[in-house]
């Protein structure tokens, strides 16, 4: 099986950065960021609504991944489609 590029997207619009942030895999998150993937990449699709890797790390309670994303410039104020405020 061919390895996915960090910029490839699945049916939700998620990149590998979204997937590893959701899993809490700090090593893979760092690797992808070192390769130059956008820390604020948003997933747009019927199931995603603009979710970012930071949203997914927060939802999973992955504090170390959240810290890494924020240190690398993640937008703490990023909004998803339908967000209030």
N, C-alpha and C. Protein backbone atom coordinates (compact mmCIF):
# COMPACT_ATOMS: atom_id res chain seq x y z
N UNK A 1 0.85 -1.19 0.00
CA UNK A 1 0.00 0.00 0.00
C UNK A 1 0.89 1.24 0.00
N UNK A 2 0.59 2.17 -0.86
CA UNK A 2 1.37 3.40 -0.95
C UNK A 2 1.10 4.28 0.26
N UNK A 3 2.13 4.93 0.72
CA UNK A 3 1.99 5.85 1.86
C UNK A 3 1.29 7.12 1.41
N UNK A 4 0.35 7.56 2.19
CA UNK A 4 -0.37 8.80 1.87
C UNK A 4 0.54 9.99 2.09
N UNK A 5 0.35 11.00 1.26
CA UNK A 5 1.02 12.27 1.45
C UNK A 5 0.33 13.01 2.60
N UNK A 6 1.06 13.86 3.28
CA UNK A 6 0.48 14.65 4.35
C UNK A 6 -0.62 15.58 3.87
N UNK A 7 -0.65 15.84 2.58
CA UNK A 7 -1.64 16.76 2.03
C UNK A 7 -2.85 16.05 1.41
N UNK A 8 -2.78 14.73 1.29
CA UNK A 8 -3.94 13.97 0.79
C UNK A 8 -5.08 14.10 1.79
N UNK A 9 -6.30 13.96 1.28
CA UNK A 9 -7.48 14.08 2.15
C UNK A 9 -8.36 12.84 2.02
N UNK A 10 -9.04 12.51 3.12
CA UNK A 10 -9.97 11.38 3.09
C UNK A 10 -11.38 11.89 2.78
N UNK A 11 -12.38 11.02 2.93
CA UNK A 11 -13.74 11.40 2.56
C UNK A 11 -14.34 12.47 3.48
N UNK A 12 -13.71 12.72 4.61
CA UNK A 12 -14.16 13.80 5.51
C UNK A 12 -13.44 15.11 5.22
N UNK A 13 -12.45 15.05 4.34
CA UNK A 13 -11.62 16.22 4.08
C UNK A 13 -10.43 16.31 5.03
N UNK A 14 -10.21 15.26 5.83
CA UNK A 14 -9.12 15.26 6.79
C UNK A 14 -7.80 14.91 6.12
N UNK A 15 -6.73 15.60 6.55
CA UNK A 15 -5.37 15.25 6.16
C UNK A 15 -4.80 14.31 7.22
N UNK A 16 -3.59 13.83 6.99
CA UNK A 16 -2.93 13.01 8.02
C UNK A 16 -2.74 13.79 9.31
N UNK A 17 -2.55 15.10 9.21
CA UNK A 17 -2.40 15.91 10.42
C UNK A 17 -3.67 15.86 11.26
N UNK A 18 -4.83 15.92 10.62
CA UNK A 18 -6.09 15.78 11.36
C UNK A 18 -6.15 14.42 12.06
N UNK A 19 -5.82 13.39 11.32
CA UNK A 19 -5.92 12.02 11.84
C UNK A 19 -5.00 11.82 13.05
N UNK A 20 -3.74 12.23 12.91
CA UNK A 20 -2.79 12.03 14.01
C UNK A 20 -3.07 12.96 15.18
N UNK A 21 -3.59 14.15 14.93
CA UNK A 21 -3.98 15.03 16.03
C UNK A 21 -5.12 14.40 16.81
N UNK A 22 -6.08 13.81 16.11
CA UNK A 22 -7.22 13.15 16.75
C UNK A 22 -6.78 11.94 17.57
N UNK A 23 -5.77 11.23 17.07
CA UNK A 23 -5.25 10.05 17.79
C UNK A 23 -4.32 10.43 18.94
N UNK A 24 -3.82 11.66 18.93
CA UNK A 24 -2.87 12.08 19.95
C UNK A 24 -1.46 11.62 19.69
N UNK A 25 -1.11 11.40 18.42
CA UNK A 25 0.22 10.91 18.05
C UNK A 25 1.18 12.09 17.85
N UNK A 26 1.81 12.49 18.94
CA UNK A 26 2.68 13.66 18.92
C UNK A 26 3.83 13.52 17.94
N UNK A 27 4.44 12.36 17.86
CA UNK A 27 5.56 12.15 16.95
C UNK A 27 5.18 12.38 15.50
N UNK A 28 4.05 11.84 15.09
CA UNK A 28 3.60 12.01 13.70
C UNK A 28 3.15 13.45 13.44
N UNK A 29 2.53 14.08 14.43
CA UNK A 29 2.14 15.49 14.28
C UNK A 29 3.39 16.33 14.04
N UNK A 30 4.43 16.12 14.84
CA UNK A 30 5.68 16.88 14.67
C UNK A 30 6.29 16.61 13.29
N UNK A 31 6.29 15.34 12.87
CA UNK A 31 6.87 14.99 11.57
C UNK A 31 6.16 15.73 10.45
N UNK A 32 4.84 15.72 10.46
CA UNK A 32 4.07 16.38 9.40
C UNK A 32 4.29 17.88 9.41
N UNK A 33 4.34 18.48 10.59
CA UNK A 33 4.59 19.92 10.67
C UNK A 33 6.00 20.24 10.18
N UNK A 34 6.97 19.39 10.51
CA UNK A 34 8.34 19.59 10.02
C UNK A 34 8.40 19.49 8.50
N UNK A 35 7.50 18.68 7.91
CA UNK A 35 7.45 18.55 6.45
C UNK A 35 6.76 19.74 5.79
N UNK A 36 6.18 20.62 6.59
CA UNK A 36 5.60 21.84 6.05
C UNK A 36 4.10 21.87 5.88
N UNK A 37 3.38 20.88 6.40
CA UNK A 37 1.93 20.92 6.31
C UNK A 37 1.42 22.11 7.14
N UNK A 38 0.37 22.75 6.66
CA UNK A 38 -0.21 23.92 7.32
C UNK A 38 -0.83 23.52 8.65
N UNK A 39 -0.37 24.12 9.74
CA UNK A 39 -0.88 23.81 11.07
C UNK A 39 -2.36 24.13 11.20
N UNK A 40 -2.86 25.06 10.38
CA UNK A 40 -4.26 25.48 10.45
C UNK A 40 -5.12 24.89 9.34
N UNK A 41 -4.66 23.82 8.70
CA UNK A 41 -5.41 23.22 7.60
C UNK A 41 -6.81 22.84 8.10
N UNK A 42 -7.82 23.33 7.39
CA UNK A 42 -9.21 23.05 7.78
C UNK A 42 -9.79 21.98 6.87
N UNK A 43 -10.60 21.13 7.44
CA UNK A 43 -11.27 20.07 6.68
C UNK A 43 -12.67 20.54 6.32
N UNK A 44 -12.92 20.71 5.03
CA UNK A 44 -14.24 21.14 4.57
C UNK A 44 -14.89 19.99 3.84
N UNK A 45 -16.04 19.63 4.28
CA UNK A 45 -16.81 18.56 3.67
C UNK A 45 -18.11 18.41 4.43
N UNK A 46 -19.01 17.58 3.92
CA UNK A 46 -20.31 17.42 4.57
C UNK A 46 -20.21 16.95 6.02
N UNK A 47 -19.12 16.26 6.36
CA UNK A 47 -18.98 15.70 7.71
C UNK A 47 -18.00 16.49 8.58
N UNK A 48 -17.41 17.56 8.05
CA UNK A 48 -16.32 18.20 8.76
C UNK A 48 -16.57 19.63 9.19
N UNK A 49 -17.08 20.46 8.33
CA UNK A 49 -17.43 21.83 8.69
C UNK A 49 -16.29 22.73 9.08
N UNK A 50 -15.08 22.47 8.58
CA UNK A 50 -13.96 23.36 8.84
C UNK A 50 -13.11 23.00 10.05
N UNK A 51 -13.26 21.79 10.53
CA UNK A 51 -12.50 21.36 11.71
C UNK A 51 -11.00 21.39 11.43
N UNK A 52 -10.23 21.83 12.42
CA UNK A 52 -8.77 21.90 12.31
C UNK A 52 -8.14 20.82 13.18
N UNK A 53 -6.85 20.56 12.98
CA UNK A 53 -6.17 19.60 13.85
C UNK A 53 -6.26 19.99 15.33
N UNK A 54 -6.21 21.29 15.63
CA UNK A 54 -6.32 21.73 17.02
C UNK A 54 -7.68 21.36 17.61
N UNK A 55 -8.75 21.53 16.84
CA UNK A 55 -10.08 21.12 17.32
C UNK A 55 -10.08 19.64 17.70
N UNK A 56 -9.50 18.82 16.82
CA UNK A 56 -9.52 17.37 17.03
C UNK A 56 -8.65 16.95 18.21
N UNK A 57 -7.49 17.59 18.36
CA UNK A 57 -6.64 17.28 19.52
C UNK A 57 -7.36 17.67 20.81
N UNK A 58 -8.03 18.81 20.81
CA UNK A 58 -8.76 19.25 22.00
C UNK A 58 -9.90 18.29 22.32
N UNK A 59 -10.63 17.88 21.29
CA UNK A 59 -11.75 16.96 21.50
C UNK A 59 -11.27 15.65 22.12
N UNK A 60 -10.08 15.21 21.72
CA UNK A 60 -9.53 13.97 22.26
C UNK A 60 -8.79 14.13 23.58
N UNK A 61 -8.64 15.39 24.04
CA UNK A 61 -7.94 15.63 25.30
C UNK A 61 -6.44 15.45 25.21
N UNK A 62 -5.88 15.64 24.02
CA UNK A 62 -4.45 15.41 23.79
C UNK A 62 -3.66 16.71 24.01
N UNK A 63 -3.36 16.99 25.27
CA UNK A 63 -2.75 18.26 25.67
C UNK A 63 -1.40 18.48 25.01
N UNK A 64 -0.54 17.47 24.96
CA UNK A 64 0.79 17.65 24.37
C UNK A 64 0.69 17.97 22.88
N UNK A 65 -0.25 17.35 22.19
CA UNK A 65 -0.46 17.65 20.77
C UNK A 65 -1.00 19.07 20.64
N UNK A 66 -1.93 19.45 21.50
CA UNK A 66 -2.46 20.82 21.47
C UNK A 66 -1.34 21.83 21.68
N UNK A 67 -0.49 21.58 22.67
CA UNK A 67 0.64 22.48 22.94
C UNK A 67 1.54 22.62 21.72
N UNK A 68 1.85 21.50 21.08
CA UNK A 68 2.72 21.52 19.89
C UNK A 68 2.08 22.33 18.77
N UNK A 69 0.80 22.09 18.52
CA UNK A 69 0.10 22.82 17.46
C UNK A 69 0.08 24.32 17.75
N UNK A 70 -0.18 24.68 19.00
CA UNK A 70 -0.20 26.10 19.37
C UNK A 70 1.18 26.73 19.25
N UNK A 71 2.22 26.00 19.67
CA UNK A 71 3.59 26.51 19.54
C UNK A 71 3.96 26.73 18.08
N UNK A 72 3.35 25.96 17.19
CA UNK A 72 3.64 26.06 15.75
C UNK A 72 2.71 27.03 15.04
N UNK A 73 1.87 27.74 15.80
CA UNK A 73 1.05 28.79 15.20
C UNK A 73 -0.40 28.46 14.95
N UNK A 74 -0.92 27.38 15.55
CA UNK A 74 -2.33 27.05 15.36
C UNK A 74 -3.20 28.20 15.87
N UNK A 75 -4.27 28.47 15.13
CA UNK A 75 -5.20 29.55 15.47
C UNK A 75 -6.16 29.05 16.55
N UNK A 76 -5.99 29.56 17.75
CA UNK A 76 -6.84 29.13 18.86
C UNK A 76 -8.28 29.60 18.68
N UNK A 77 -8.50 30.59 17.82
CA UNK A 77 -9.84 31.13 17.59
C UNK A 77 -10.50 30.60 16.32
N UNK A 78 -9.93 29.57 15.70
CA UNK A 78 -10.52 29.01 14.47
C UNK A 78 -11.93 28.52 14.75
N UNK A 79 -12.83 28.79 13.81
CA UNK A 79 -14.24 28.42 13.96
C UNK A 79 -14.64 27.39 12.92
N UNK A 80 -15.54 26.53 13.31
CA UNK A 80 -16.12 25.58 12.37
C UNK A 80 -17.42 26.16 11.82
N UNK A 81 -17.89 25.58 10.73
CA UNK A 81 -19.16 26.01 10.16
C UNK A 81 -20.25 25.81 11.21
N UNK A 82 -21.07 26.81 11.40
CA UNK A 82 -22.16 26.72 12.34
C UNK A 82 -21.78 27.08 13.77
N UNK A 83 -20.52 27.47 14.00
CA UNK A 83 -20.11 27.85 15.35
C UNK A 83 -20.76 29.18 15.73
N UNK A 84 -21.14 29.29 16.96
CA UNK A 84 -21.77 30.52 17.45
C UNK A 84 -20.70 31.42 18.07
N UNK A 85 -21.02 32.70 18.12
CA UNK A 85 -20.13 33.64 18.82
C UNK A 85 -19.44 34.49 17.90
